[in-house]
Amino acid sequence: MRFVFVNKLINYSKKNKNVYLITSDLGYRAFEKFAKLFPKRFINVGVSENNMIGIAAGMAASGKKIFVYSILPFVVFRSLEQIRNNIVHNNLDVNIIGAGGGFSYNVQGISHNTSEDISIARSLPNLSVYNPGSRFEAKLVVNLMLKNKTPCFVRLGKAPDRD
């Protein structure tokens, strides 16, 4: 589903110069086209999820539309305090994209797999939470994020072969 997300984001970013994509050392084989087309709007902070959220909050506070991308447990569990204090309580236009819902990362273990992320995200105020189950639903969710100006959380799992 990340390809659905990034392709729609590329098309939107061609018309909107305030869109930024920030990742924490992820997105290989998915974000190269975005990075090539918009090198100044693609930021890879390295293995630094908390800083990624802080950077996203600061940029959104200055009027930018921000998308952050990481593996779900890394972005939710490691960065929960920053998401809560910096993004949702200030109702900022930051879209948090978490990859690998459930046990998508399989044998990489508990550090990469999560079943608690949705319940945690739903407990936060001002945060719209989406969990698309197909490519079609992923397209709809991306369209909602592009129109929305408040915080969003999206859990992207592995896409089925058909919509």
C-alpha atoms as a PDB file:
ATOM      1  CA  MET A   1       0.000   0.000   0.000  1.00  0.00           C
ATOM      2  CA  ARG A   2       2.963   2.318   0.377  1.00  0.00           C
ATOM      3  CA  PHE A   3       3.195   2.552  -3.422  1.00  0.00           C
ATOM      4  CA  VAL A   4      -0.403   3.775  -3.570  1.00  0.00           C
ATOM      5  CA  PHE A   5       0.471   6.358  -0.911  1.00  0.00           C
ATOM      6  CA  VAL A   6       3.661   7.614  -2.539  1.00  0.00           C
ATOM      7  CA  ASN A   7       2.220   7.773  -6.080  1.00  0.00           C
ATOM      8  CA  LYS A   8      -0.744   9.872  -4.945  1.00  0.00           C
ATOM      9  CA  LEU A   9       1.604  12.041  -2.873  1.00  0.00           C
ATOM     10  CA  ILE A  10       3.840  12.634  -5.911  1.00  0.00           C
ATOM     11  CA  ASN A  11       0.889  13.752  -8.037  1.00  0.00           C
ATOM     12  CA  TYR A  12      -0.338  16.093  -5.305  1.00  0.00           C
ATOM     13  CA  SER A  13       3.153  17.460  -4.640  1.00  0.00           C
ATOM     14  CA  LYS A  14       3.537  18.513  -8.273  1.00  0.00           C
ATOM     15  CA  LYS A  15       0.782  21.080  -7.658  1.00  0.00           C
ATOM     16  CA  ASN A  16       1.525  21.946  -4.021  1.00  0.00           C
ATOM     17  CA  LYS A  17       4.984  23.168  -3.065  1.00  0.00           C
ATOM     18  CA  ASN A  18       4.269  23.031   0.686  1.00  0.00           C
ATOM     19  CA  VAL A  19       4.251  19.213   0.856  1.00  0.00           C
ATOM     20  CA  TYR A  20       7.167  17.477   2.595  1.00  0.00           C
ATOM     21  CA  LEU A  21       7.875  13.788   3.154  1.00  0.00           C
ATOM     22  CA  ILE A  22      10.022  12.889   6.152  1.00  0.00           C
ATOM     23  CA  THR A  23      11.229   9.368   6.868  1.00  0.00           C
ATOM     24  CA  SER A  24      13.390   7.747   9.502  1.00  0.00           C
ATOM     25  CA  ASP A  25      15.758   5.699   7.360  1.00  0.00           C
ATOM     26  CA  LEU A  26      12.960   3.887   5.521  1.00  0.00           C
ATOM     27  CA  GLY A  27      11.140   3.881   2.199  1.00  0.00           C
ATOM     28  CA  TYR A  28      13.784   2.305   0.023  1.00  0.00           C
ATOM     29  CA  ARG A  29      12.350   1.022  -3.256  1.00  0.00           C
ATOM     30  CA  ALA A  30       9.370   3.319  -2.666  1.00  0.00           C
ATOM     31  CA  PHE A  31      10.465   6.935  -2.173  1.00  0.00           C
ATOM     32  CA  GLU A  32      13.249   7.273  -4.760  1.00  0.00           C
ATOM     33  CA  LYS A  33      10.953   8.900  -7.317  1.00  0.00           C
ATOM     34  CA  PHE A  34       9.652  11.417  -4.769  1.00  0.00           C
ATOM     35  CA  ALA A  35      13.212  12.179  -3.633  1.00  0.00           C
ATOM     36  CA  LYS A  36      14.368  12.677  -7.223  1.00  0.00           C
ATOM     37  CA  LEU A  37      11.446  14.941  -8.170  1.00  0.00           C
ATOM     38  CA  PHE A  38      11.465  16.925  -4.916  1.00  0.00           C
ATOM     39  CA  PRO A  39      14.944  16.630  -3.371  1.00  0.00           C
ATOM     40  CA  LYS A  40      14.444  19.617  -1.064  1.00  0.00           C
ATOM     41  CA  ARG A  41      11.088  18.275   0.139  1.00  0.00           C
ATOM     42  CA  PHE A  42      12.268  14.761   1.003  1.00  0.00           C
ATOM     43  CA  ILE A  43      14.009  14.500   4.352  1.00  0.00           C
ATOM     44  CA  ASN A  44      15.556  11.304   5.706  1.00  0.00           C
ATOM     45  CA  VAL A  45      16.434  11.934   9.355  1.00  0.00           C
ATOM     46  CA  GLY A  46      18.070   8.536   9.834  1.00  0.00           C
ATOM     47  CA  VAL A  47      17.181   6.336  12.777  1.00  0.00           C
ATOM     48  CA  SER A  48      15.704   9.229  14.723  1.00  0.00           C
ATOM     49  CA  GLU A  49      11.938   8.923  15.014  1.00  0.00           C
ATOM     50  CA  ASN A  50      11.553  11.406  17.882  1.00  0.00           C
ATOM     51  CA  ASN A  51      13.463  14.055  15.948  1.00  0.00           C
ATOM     52  CA  MET A  52      11.390  13.251  12.852  1.00  0.00           C
ATOM     53  CA  ILE A  53       8.203  14.089  14.774  1.00  0.00           C
ATOM     54  CA  GLY A  54       9.744  17.265  16.227  1.00  0.00           C
ATOM     55  CA  ILE A  55      10.894  18.426  12.790  1.00  0.00           C
ATOM     56  CA  ALA A  56       7.455  17.623  11.359  1.00  0.00           C
ATOM     57  CA  ALA A  57       5.712  19.632  14.098  1.00  0.00           C
ATOM     58  CA  GLY A  58       7.957  22.651  13.553  1.00  0.00           C
ATOM     59  CA  MET A  59       7.492  22.592   9.800  1.00  0.00           C
ATOM     60  CA  ALA A  60       3.702  22.167  10.119  1.00  0.00           C
ATOM     61  CA  ALA A  61       3.576  25.074  12.565  1.00  0.00           C
ATOM     62  CA  SER A  62       5.125  27.202   9.817  1.00  0.00           C
ATOM     63  CA  GLY A  63       2.401  26.234   7.329  1.00  0.00           C
ATOM     64  CA  LYS A  64       3.845  23.156   5.617  1.00  0.00           C
ATOM     65  CA  LYS A  65       1.831  19.987   4.908  1.00  0.00           C
ATOM     66  CA  ILE A  66       3.872  17.161   6.372  1.00  0.00           C
ATOM     67  CA  PHE A  67       3.866  13.408   5.877  1.00  0.00           C
ATOM     68  CA  VAL A  68       6.063  11.267   8.130  1.00  0.00           C
ATOM     69  CA  TYR A  69       6.738   7.607   7.422  1.00  0.00           C
ATOM     70  CA  SER A  70       8.201   4.848   9.572  1.00  0.00           C
ATOM     71  CA  ILE A  71       7.583   1.311  10.742  1.00  0.00           C
ATOM     72  CA  LEU A  72       4.538   1.363  13.037  1.00  0.00           C
ATOM     73  CA  PRO A  73       6.056   0.492  16.408  1.00  0.00           C
ATOM     74  CA  PHE A  74       8.917   2.908  15.819  1.00  0.00           C
ATOM     75  CA  VAL A  75       6.731   5.893  14.965  1.00  0.00           C
ATOM     76  CA  VAL A  76       4.012   5.175  17.535  1.00  0.00           C
ATOM     77  CA  PHE A  77       5.806   3.783  20.572  1.00  0.00           C
ATOM     78  CA  ARG A  78       9.118   5.647  20.352  1.00  0.00           C
ATOM     79  CA  SER A  79       7.485   8.950  19.455  1.00  0.00           C
ATOM     80  CA  LEU A  80       4.229   8.912  21.401  1.00  0.00           C
ATOM     81  CA  GLU A  81       5.132  11.816  23.681  1.00  0.00           C
ATOM     82  CA  GLN A  82       6.201  13.996  20.744  1.00  0.00           C
ATOM     83  CA  ILE A  83       3.071  13.083  18.760  1.00  0.00           C
ATOM     84  CA  ARG A  84       0.871  13.886  21.750  1.00  0.00           C
ATOM     85  CA  ASN A  85       2.545  17.080  22.932  1.00  0.00           C
ATOM     86  CA  ASN A  86       3.774  18.598  19.676  1.00  0.00           C
ATOM     87  CA  ILE A  87       1.318  17.481  17.007  1.00  0.00           C
ATOM     88  CA  VAL A  88      -2.134  16.531  18.263  1.00  0.00           C
ATOM     89  CA  HIS A  89      -2.445  19.028  21.122  1.00  0.00           C
ATOM     90  CA  ASN A  90      -1.501  21.785  18.667  1.00  0.00           C
ATOM     91  CA  ASN A  91      -3.777  20.277  15.996  1.00  0.00           C
ATOM     92  CA  LEU A  92      -1.024  20.476  13.348  1.00  0.00           C
ATOM     93  CA  ASP A  93      -1.231  19.328   9.724  1.00  0.00           C
ATOM     94  CA  VAL A  94       1.012  16.281  10.158  1.00  0.00           C
ATOM     95  CA  ASN A  95       0.108  12.940   8.602  1.00  0.00           C
ATOM     96  CA  ILE A  96       1.709   9.976  10.327  1.00  0.00           C
ATOM     97  CA  ILE A  97       2.089   6.959   8.082  1.00  0.00           C
ATOM     98  CA  GLY A  98       2.960   3.718   9.836  1.00  0.00           C
ATOM     99  CA  ALA A  99       4.061   0.749   7.763  1.00  0.00           C
ATOM    100  CA  GLY A 100       3.667  -2.899   8.602  1.00  0.00           C
ATOM    101  CA  GLY A 101       0.469  -3.284  10.564  1.00  0.00           C
ATOM    102  CA  GLY A 102      -0.024  -6.398  12.642  1.00  0.00           C
ATOM    103  CA  PHE A 103       2.608  -9.026  11.970  1.00  0.00           C
ATOM    104  CA  SER A 104       3.677  -7.853   8.505  1.00  0.00           C
ATOM    105  CA  TYR A 105       7.317  -7.886   9.506  1.00  0.00           C
ATOM    106  CA  ASN A 106       6.949 -11.523  10.568  1.00  0.00           C
ATOM    107  CA  VAL A 107      10.212 -12.987  11.873  1.00  0.00           C
ATOM    108  CA  GLN A 108      11.777  -9.630  12.734  1.00  0.00           C
ATOM    109  CA  GLY A 109      10.000  -9.976  16.043  1.00  0.00           C
ATOM    110  CA  ILE A 110       8.220  -7.873  18.606  1.00  0.00           C
ATOM    111  CA  SER A 111      10.272  -4.743  17.874  1.00  0.00           C
ATOM    112  CA  HIS A 112       8.801  -4.574  14.348  1.00  0.00           C
ATOM    113  CA  ASN A 113       5.299  -6.002  14.884  1.00  0.00           C
ATOM    114  CA  THR A 114       2.371  -4.364  16.649  1.00  0.00           C
ATOM    115  CA  SER A 115      -1.248  -4.935  17.448  1.00  0.00           C
ATOM    116  CA  GLU A 116      -1.636  -2.028  19.909  1.00  0.00           C
ATOM    117  CA  ASP A 117      -0.956   0.939  17.600  1.00  0.00           C
ATOM    118  CA  ILE A 118      -4.564   1.646  16.624  1.00  0.00           C
ATOM    119  CA  SER A 119      -5.839   1.694  20.209  1.00  0.00           C
ATOM    120  CA  ILE A 120      -3.025   4.043  21.216  1.00  0.00           C
ATOM    121  CA  ALA A 121      -3.631   6.360  18.246  1.00  0.00           C
ATOM    122  CA  ARG A 122      -7.385   6.409  18.932  1.00  0.00           C
ATOM    123  CA  SER A 123      -6.749   7.594  22.488  1.00  0.00           C
ATOM    124  CA  LEU A 124      -5.176  10.841  21.238  1.00  0.00           C
ATOM    125  CA  PRO A 125      -7.326  13.952  20.754  1.00  0.00           C
ATOM    126  CA  ASN A 126      -7.621  15.647  17.335  1.00  0.00           C
ATOM    127  CA  LEU A 127      -6.127  12.622  15.550  1.00  0.00           C
ATOM    128  CA  SER A 128      -8.024  10.991  12.683  1.00  0.00           C
ATOM    129  CA  VAL A 129      -7.133   7.289  12.518  1.00  0.00           C
ATOM    130  CA  TYR A 130      -7.346   5.202   9.334  1.00  0.00           C
ATOM    131  CA  ASN A 131      -6.636   1.545   8.672  1.00  0.00           C
ATOM    132  CA  PRO A 132      -7.201   0.849   4.953  1.00  0.00           C
ATOM    133  CA  GLY A 133      -7.614  -2.793   4.019  1.00  0.00           C
ATOM    134  CA  SER A 134      -7.214  -2.555   0.242  1.00  0.00           C
ATOM    135  CA  ARG A 135      -5.552  -0.442  -2.426  1.00  0.00           C
ATOM    136  CA  PHE A 136      -8.908   1.208  -3.129  1.00  0.00           C
ATOM    137  CA  GLU A 137      -9.324   2.169   0.529  1.00  0.00           C
ATOM    138  CA  ALA A 138      -5.694   3.379   0.645  1.00  0.00           C
ATOM    139  CA  LYS A 139      -6.424   5.757  -2.261  1.00  0.00           C
ATOM    140  CA  LEU A 140      -9.482   7.101  -0.440  1.00  0.00           C
ATOM    141  CA  VAL A 141      -7.502   7.625   2.763  1.00  0.00           C
ATOM    142  CA  VAL A 142      -4.703   9.476   0.951  1.00  0.00           C
ATOM    143  CA  ASN A 143      -7.323  11.733  -0.662  1.00  0.00           C
ATOM    144  CA  LEU A 144      -8.733  12.488   2.805  1.00  0.00           C
ATOM    145  CA  MET A 145      -5.273  13.314   4.151  1.00  0.00           C
ATOM    146  CA  LEU A 146      -4.547  15.624   1.226  1.00  0.00           C
ATOM    147  CA  LYS A 147      -7.747  17.610   1.912  1.00  0.00           C
ATOM    148  CA  ASN A 148      -7.486  17.502   5.698  1.00  0.00           C
ATOM    149  CA  LYS A 149      -5.507  20.105   7.655  1.00  0.00           C
ATOM    150  CA  THR A 150      -5.477  18.329  11.007  1.00  0.00           C
ATOM    151  CA  PRO A 151      -3.394  15.411  12.312  1.00  0.00           C
ATOM    152  CA  CYS A 152      -3.941  11.991  10.745  1.00  0.00           C
ATOM    153  CA  PHE A 153      -2.600   8.528  11.509  1.00  0.00           C
ATOM    154  CA  VAL A 154      -2.634   5.819   8.847  1.00  0.00           C
ATOM    155  CA  ARG A 155      -1.749   2.194   9.411  1.00  0.00           C
ATOM    156  CA  LEU A 156      -0.524   0.672   6.163  1.00  0.00           C
ATOM    157  CA  GLY A 157      -0.316  -3.074   5.956  1.00  0.00           C
ATOM    158  CA  LYS A 158       0.596  -5.289   3.069  1.00  0.00           C
ATOM    159  CA  ALA A 159      -1.770  -4.710   0.172  1.00  0.00           C
ATOM    160  CA  PRO A 160      -3.734  -7.623  -1.206  1.00  0.00           C
ATOM    161  CA  ASP A 161      -3.241  -8.399  -4.914  1.00  0.00           C
ATOM    162  CA  ARG A 162      -6.582  -6.826  -5.808  1.00  0.00           C
ATOM    163  CA  ASP A 163      -8.823  -4.008  -4.541  1.00  0.00           C
END
